[in-house]
Amino acid sequence: MPRIWKRVRDTGDVNTQPRQGRKASVPTVRTIIWTAKRNKQFMLVHIASEFAVTTGTRLPIYTATDWLNKIGLFAKFMICLPSSQVAKCDRLKWFRHHCYWSTKD
């Protein structure tokens, strides 16, 4: 697993940068899916799988935040929520809060 993903998961800091003097590994969708499965982030697994089909398997990004921004528009079309929840909040905000950062729940 690339070091940057481990640090983001452990510290909860979405702005974590690679350590100086080390080139950060570029995460693959496979790595993202593996990490998400281990953390029981099943919506992220589903979206990553679909995203891989449409864009290829490598994503040239370094942090979880960058990756979320890349799939943001895609995620809006993927998520199905009860109409009552859709009316109350933006789908992407719901996705980020409930699906992506769900390791502590």
N, C-alpha and C. Protein backbone atom coordinates (compact mmCIF):
# COMPACT_ATOMS: atom_id res chain seq x y z
N MET A 1 0.84 -1.19 0.00
CA MET A 1 0.00 0.00 0.00
C MET A 1 0.88 1.25 0.00
N PRO A 2 0.59 2.21 -0.86
CA PRO A 2 1.41 3.42 -0.88
C PRO A 2 1.40 4.13 0.47
N ARG A 3 2.53 4.67 0.84
CA ARG A 3 2.68 5.30 2.15
C ARG A 3 1.67 6.43 2.38
N ILE A 4 1.41 7.22 1.37
CA ILE A 4 0.52 8.37 1.55
C ILE A 4 -0.87 7.93 1.99
N TRP A 5 -1.35 6.81 1.47
CA TRP A 5 -2.67 6.33 1.86
C TRP A 5 -2.68 5.90 3.32
N LYS A 6 -1.60 5.26 3.75
CA LYS A 6 -1.51 4.83 5.14
C LYS A 6 -1.54 6.04 6.07
N ARG A 7 -0.80 7.09 5.71
CA ARG A 7 -0.75 8.28 6.56
C ARG A 7 -2.10 8.99 6.60
N VAL A 8 -2.77 9.08 5.48
CA VAL A 8 -4.08 9.73 5.48
C VAL A 8 -5.06 8.96 6.35
N ARG A 9 -5.02 7.63 6.26
CA ARG A 9 -5.94 6.81 7.04
C ARG A 9 -5.65 6.92 8.54
N ASP A 10 -4.37 6.89 8.89
CA ASP A 10 -4.01 6.88 10.30
C ASP A 10 -4.26 8.22 10.99
N THR A 11 -3.98 9.32 10.30
CA THR A 11 -4.05 10.63 10.95
C THR A 11 -5.37 11.33 10.71
N GLY A 12 -6.10 10.94 9.67
CA GLY A 12 -7.32 11.63 9.34
C GLY A 12 -7.06 12.97 8.68
N ASP A 13 -5.82 13.28 8.35
CA ASP A 13 -5.45 14.56 7.75
C ASP A 13 -5.54 14.45 6.23
N VAL A 14 -6.53 15.10 5.64
CA VAL A 14 -6.73 14.97 4.20
C VAL A 14 -5.72 15.79 3.40
N ASN A 15 -4.97 16.66 4.07
CA ASN A 15 -3.99 17.48 3.37
C ASN A 15 -2.56 16.95 3.51
N THR A 16 -2.43 15.72 3.93
CA THR A 16 -1.11 15.13 4.14
C THR A 16 -0.31 15.12 2.84
N GLN A 17 0.92 15.56 2.91
CA GLN A 17 1.80 15.57 1.75
C GLN A 17 2.86 14.48 1.91
N PRO A 18 3.42 14.02 0.79
CA PRO A 18 4.48 13.02 0.89
C PRO A 18 5.68 13.57 1.66
N ARG A 19 6.40 12.69 2.31
CA ARG A 19 7.60 13.13 3.03
C ARG A 19 8.63 13.65 2.05
N GLN A 20 9.40 14.62 2.51
CA GLN A 20 10.46 15.18 1.66
C GLN A 20 11.50 14.10 1.37
N GLY A 21 11.98 14.09 0.14
CA GLY A 21 13.02 13.14 -0.23
C GLY A 21 12.50 11.81 -0.72
N ARG A 22 11.19 11.61 -0.63
CA ARG A 22 10.60 10.36 -1.13
C ARG A 22 9.56 10.68 -2.18
N LYS A 23 9.59 9.94 -3.26
CA LYS A 23 8.58 10.14 -4.29
C LYS A 23 7.34 9.32 -3.90
N ALA A 24 6.20 9.99 -3.83
CA ALA A 24 4.98 9.29 -3.44
C ALA A 24 4.55 8.31 -4.52
N SER A 25 4.04 7.20 -4.10
CA SER A 25 3.51 6.23 -5.05
C SER A 25 2.18 6.74 -5.60
N VAL A 26 1.95 6.48 -6.85
CA VAL A 26 0.67 6.85 -7.45
C VAL A 26 -0.30 5.70 -7.20
N PRO A 27 -1.40 5.96 -6.48
CA PRO A 27 -2.31 4.86 -6.17
C PRO A 27 -3.05 4.38 -7.40
N THR A 28 -3.25 3.09 -7.49
CA THR A 28 -4.06 2.53 -8.56
C THR A 28 -5.47 2.32 -8.03
N VAL A 29 -6.40 2.15 -8.92
CA VAL A 29 -7.77 1.89 -8.47
C VAL A 29 -7.81 0.61 -7.66
N ARG A 30 -6.98 -0.36 -8.04
CA ARG A 30 -6.94 -1.61 -7.28
C ARG A 30 -6.54 -1.36 -5.83
N THR A 31 -5.54 -0.48 -5.63
CA THR A 31 -5.11 -0.14 -4.28
C THR A 31 -6.24 0.55 -3.51
N ILE A 32 -6.92 1.47 -4.20
CA ILE A 32 -8.02 2.19 -3.56
C ILE A 32 -9.12 1.22 -3.15
N ILE A 33 -9.45 0.29 -4.05
CA ILE A 33 -10.50 -0.68 -3.75
C ILE A 33 -10.10 -1.56 -2.58
N TRP A 34 -8.84 -2.00 -2.56
CA TRP A 34 -8.35 -2.86 -1.48
C TRP A 34 -8.44 -2.13 -0.14
N THR A 35 -7.99 -0.87 -0.13
CA THR A 35 -8.04 -0.08 1.10
C THR A 35 -9.47 0.14 1.55
N ALA A 36 -10.34 0.44 0.60
CA ALA A 36 -11.74 0.70 0.94
C ALA A 36 -12.42 -0.56 1.49
N LYS A 37 -12.10 -1.72 0.90
CA LYS A 37 -12.68 -2.96 1.40
C LYS A 37 -12.23 -3.24 2.82
N ARG A 38 -10.94 -3.02 3.09
CA ARG A 38 -10.43 -3.28 4.43
C ARG A 38 -11.10 -2.35 5.45
N ASN A 39 -11.40 -1.13 5.01
CA ASN A 39 -12.03 -0.16 5.90
C ASN A 39 -13.56 -0.22 5.86
N LYS A 40 -14.08 -1.20 5.11
CA LYS A 40 -15.53 -1.39 4.98
C LYS A 40 -16.22 -0.17 4.38
N GLN A 41 -15.54 0.48 3.42
CA GLN A 41 -16.12 1.62 2.72
C GLN A 41 -16.70 1.11 1.40
N PHE A 42 -17.84 0.45 1.48
CA PHE A 42 -18.32 -0.31 0.34
C PHE A 42 -18.82 0.57 -0.80
N MET A 43 -19.36 1.75 -0.47
CA MET A 43 -19.79 2.65 -1.54
C MET A 43 -18.57 3.11 -2.35
N LEU A 44 -17.47 3.35 -1.66
CA LEU A 44 -16.25 3.76 -2.35
C LEU A 44 -15.73 2.62 -3.23
N VAL A 45 -15.85 1.40 -2.77
CA VAL A 45 -15.45 0.24 -3.58
C VAL A 45 -16.25 0.21 -4.87
N HIS A 46 -17.55 0.40 -4.75
CA HIS A 46 -18.43 0.36 -5.91
C HIS A 46 -18.08 1.47 -6.90
N ILE A 47 -17.91 2.68 -6.39
CA ILE A 47 -17.62 3.82 -7.26
C ILE A 47 -16.24 3.67 -7.90
N ALA A 48 -15.26 3.20 -7.13
CA ALA A 48 -13.92 3.00 -7.69
C ALA A 48 -13.95 1.96 -8.80
N SER A 49 -14.72 0.92 -8.60
CA SER A 49 -14.83 -0.12 -9.62
C SER A 49 -15.42 0.43 -10.91
N GLU A 50 -16.51 1.19 -10.78
CA GLU A 50 -17.15 1.77 -11.96
C GLU A 50 -16.23 2.79 -12.62
N PHE A 51 -15.55 3.58 -11.80
CA PHE A 51 -14.65 4.61 -12.32
C PHE A 51 -13.50 3.97 -13.10
N ALA A 52 -13.01 2.83 -12.61
CA ALA A 52 -11.92 2.13 -13.29
C ALA A 52 -12.35 1.68 -14.68
N VAL A 53 -13.59 1.24 -14.79
CA VAL A 53 -14.10 0.78 -16.08
C VAL A 53 -14.13 1.93 -17.08
N THR A 54 -14.49 3.11 -16.62
CA THR A 54 -14.68 4.23 -17.54
C THR A 54 -13.41 5.01 -17.83
N THR A 55 -12.42 4.96 -16.93
CA THR A 55 -11.25 5.84 -17.10
C THR A 55 -9.92 5.09 -17.18
N GLY A 56 -9.90 3.77 -16.97
CA GLY A 56 -8.63 3.07 -16.90
C GLY A 56 -8.24 2.83 -15.46
N THR A 57 -7.16 2.11 -15.25
CA THR A 57 -6.87 1.64 -13.90
C THR A 57 -5.93 2.54 -13.10
N ARG A 58 -5.21 3.46 -13.74
CA ARG A 58 -4.30 4.31 -12.96
C ARG A 58 -4.84 5.72 -12.83
N LEU A 59 -4.76 6.25 -11.62
CA LEU A 59 -5.19 7.62 -11.37
C LEU A 59 -3.97 8.44 -10.95
N PRO A 60 -3.58 9.45 -11.72
CA PRO A 60 -2.36 10.21 -11.43
C PRO A 60 -2.56 11.25 -10.33
N ILE A 61 -2.84 10.79 -9.13
CA ILE A 61 -3.09 11.68 -8.01
C ILE A 61 -2.37 11.15 -6.77
N TYR A 62 -2.28 11.99 -5.75
CA TYR A 62 -1.48 11.62 -4.60
C TYR A 62 -2.25 11.48 -3.29
N THR A 63 -3.34 12.20 -3.14
CA THR A 63 -4.06 12.13 -1.87
C THR A 63 -5.49 11.70 -2.07
N ALA A 64 -6.10 11.29 -0.98
CA ALA A 64 -7.50 10.88 -1.02
C ALA A 64 -8.39 12.04 -1.47
N THR A 65 -8.03 13.25 -1.04
CA THR A 65 -8.83 14.42 -1.39
C THR A 65 -8.80 14.65 -2.89
N ASP A 66 -7.62 14.56 -3.50
CA ASP A 66 -7.52 14.73 -4.95
C ASP A 66 -8.39 13.71 -5.67
N TRP A 67 -8.34 12.48 -5.18
CA TRP A 67 -9.11 11.43 -5.83
C TRP A 67 -10.61 11.69 -5.70
N LEU A 68 -11.02 12.13 -4.52
CA LEU A 68 -12.44 12.46 -4.32
C LEU A 68 -12.88 13.57 -5.26
N ASN A 69 -12.03 14.57 -5.44
CA ASN A 69 -12.38 15.67 -6.35
C ASN A 69 -12.50 15.17 -7.79
N LYS A 70 -11.64 14.24 -8.17
CA LYS A 70 -11.69 13.70 -9.53
C LYS A 70 -13.01 12.99 -9.78
N ILE A 71 -13.49 12.23 -8.79
CA ILE A 71 -14.70 11.45 -9.01
C ILE A 71 -15.95 12.17 -8.54
N GLY A 72 -15.80 13.42 -8.12
CA GLY A 72 -16.93 14.14 -7.56
C GLY A 72 -18.15 14.17 -8.45
N LEU A 73 -17.99 14.62 -9.69
CA LEU A 73 -19.12 14.69 -10.61
C LEU A 73 -19.64 13.30 -10.92
N PHE A 74 -18.72 12.36 -11.06
CA PHE A 74 -19.12 10.98 -11.35
C PHE A 74 -19.96 10.42 -10.20
N ALA A 75 -19.51 10.72 -8.98
CA ALA A 75 -20.20 10.19 -7.80
C ALA A 75 -21.63 10.70 -7.70
N LYS A 76 -21.86 11.93 -8.14
CA LYS A 76 -23.21 12.49 -8.03
C LYS A 76 -24.22 11.67 -8.82
N PHE A 77 -23.77 11.09 -9.94
CA PHE A 77 -24.68 10.31 -10.75
C PHE A 77 -24.79 8.86 -10.27
N MET A 78 -23.87 8.46 -9.41
CA MET A 78 -23.82 7.07 -8.97
C MET A 78 -24.68 6.83 -7.73
N ILE A 79 -24.85 7.86 -6.92
CA ILE A 79 -25.44 7.64 -5.60
C ILE A 79 -26.95 7.79 -5.63
N CYS A 80 -27.63 6.81 -5.10
CA CYS A 80 -29.08 6.86 -5.00
C CYS A 80 -29.46 7.01 -3.54
N LEU A 81 -30.14 8.09 -3.23
CA LEU A 81 -30.55 8.33 -1.86
C LEU A 81 -32.07 8.43 -1.79
N PRO A 82 -32.63 8.16 -0.61
CA PRO A 82 -34.06 8.42 -0.42
C PRO A 82 -34.35 9.90 -0.68
N SER A 83 -35.49 10.18 -1.26
CA SER A 83 -35.79 11.56 -1.65
C SER A 83 -35.76 12.52 -0.47
N SER A 84 -36.10 12.05 0.72
CA SER A 84 -36.08 12.93 1.88
C SER A 84 -34.67 13.41 2.19
N GLN A 85 -33.68 12.51 2.02
CA GLN A 85 -32.30 12.91 2.28
C GLN A 85 -31.76 13.79 1.17
N VAL A 86 -32.16 13.52 -0.08
CA VAL A 86 -31.69 14.33 -1.19
C VAL A 86 -32.16 15.76 -1.02
N ALA A 87 -33.37 15.93 -0.52
CA ALA A 87 -33.91 17.27 -0.35
C ALA A 87 -33.15 18.06 0.72
N LYS A 88 -32.61 17.35 1.70
CA LYS A 88 -31.95 18.03 2.82
C LYS A 88 -30.50 18.41 2.54
N CYS A 89 -29.82 17.66 1.71
CA CYS A 89 -28.40 17.93 1.55
C CYS A 89 -27.89 17.57 0.16
N ASP A 90 -26.76 18.13 -0.17
CA ASP A 90 -26.11 17.85 -1.44
C ASP A 90 -25.61 16.41 -1.46
N ARG A 91 -25.79 15.72 -2.58
CA ARG A 91 -25.40 14.31 -2.66
C ARG A 91 -23.91 14.09 -2.42
N LEU A 92 -23.08 14.97 -2.97
CA LEU A 92 -21.64 14.79 -2.82
C LEU A 92 -21.22 14.97 -1.36
N LYS A 93 -21.82 15.93 -0.67
CA LYS A 93 -21.51 16.11 0.75
C LYS A 93 -21.92 14.86 1.53
N TRP A 94 -23.09 14.32 1.19
CA TRP A 94 -23.54 13.11 1.86
C TRP A 94 -22.57 11.97 1.61
N PHE A 95 -22.12 11.86 0.35
CA PHE A 95 -21.17 10.81 -0.01
C PHE A 95 -19.87 10.96 0.78
N ARG A 96 -19.32 12.15 0.82
CA ARG A 96 -18.04 12.35 1.52
C ARG A 96 -18.17 12.03 3.00
N HIS A 97 -19.28 12.45 3.58
CA HIS A 97 -19.41 12.27 5.03
C HIS A 97 -19.74 10.82 5.40
N HIS A 98 -20.72 10.24 4.73
CA HIS A 98 -21.21 8.94 5.16
C HIS A 98 -20.47 7.76 4.54
N CYS A 99 -19.97 7.94 3.32
CA CYS A 99 -19.36 6.79 2.65
C CYS A 99 -17.84 6.81 2.73
N TYR A 100 -17.25 7.95 2.38
CA TYR A 100 -15.80 7.96 2.32
C TYR A 100 -15.17 7.97 3.70
N TRP A 101 -15.65 8.81 4.60
CA TRP A 101 -15.02 8.90 5.93
C TRP A 101 -15.76 8.05 6.94
N SER A 102 -16.10 6.83 6.55
CA SER A 102 -16.95 6.00 7.41
C SER A 102 -16.16 5.02 8.26
N THR A 103 -14.83 5.16 8.33
CA THR A 103 -14.03 4.16 9.05
C THR A 103 -14.29 4.20 10.55
N LYS A 104 -14.69 5.35 11.09
CA LYS A 104 -14.88 5.45 12.54
C LYS A 104 -16.29 5.10 12.95
N ASP A 105 -17.20 4.98 11.99
CA ASP A 105 -18.60 4.69 12.32
C ASP A 105 -18.81 3.21 12.58
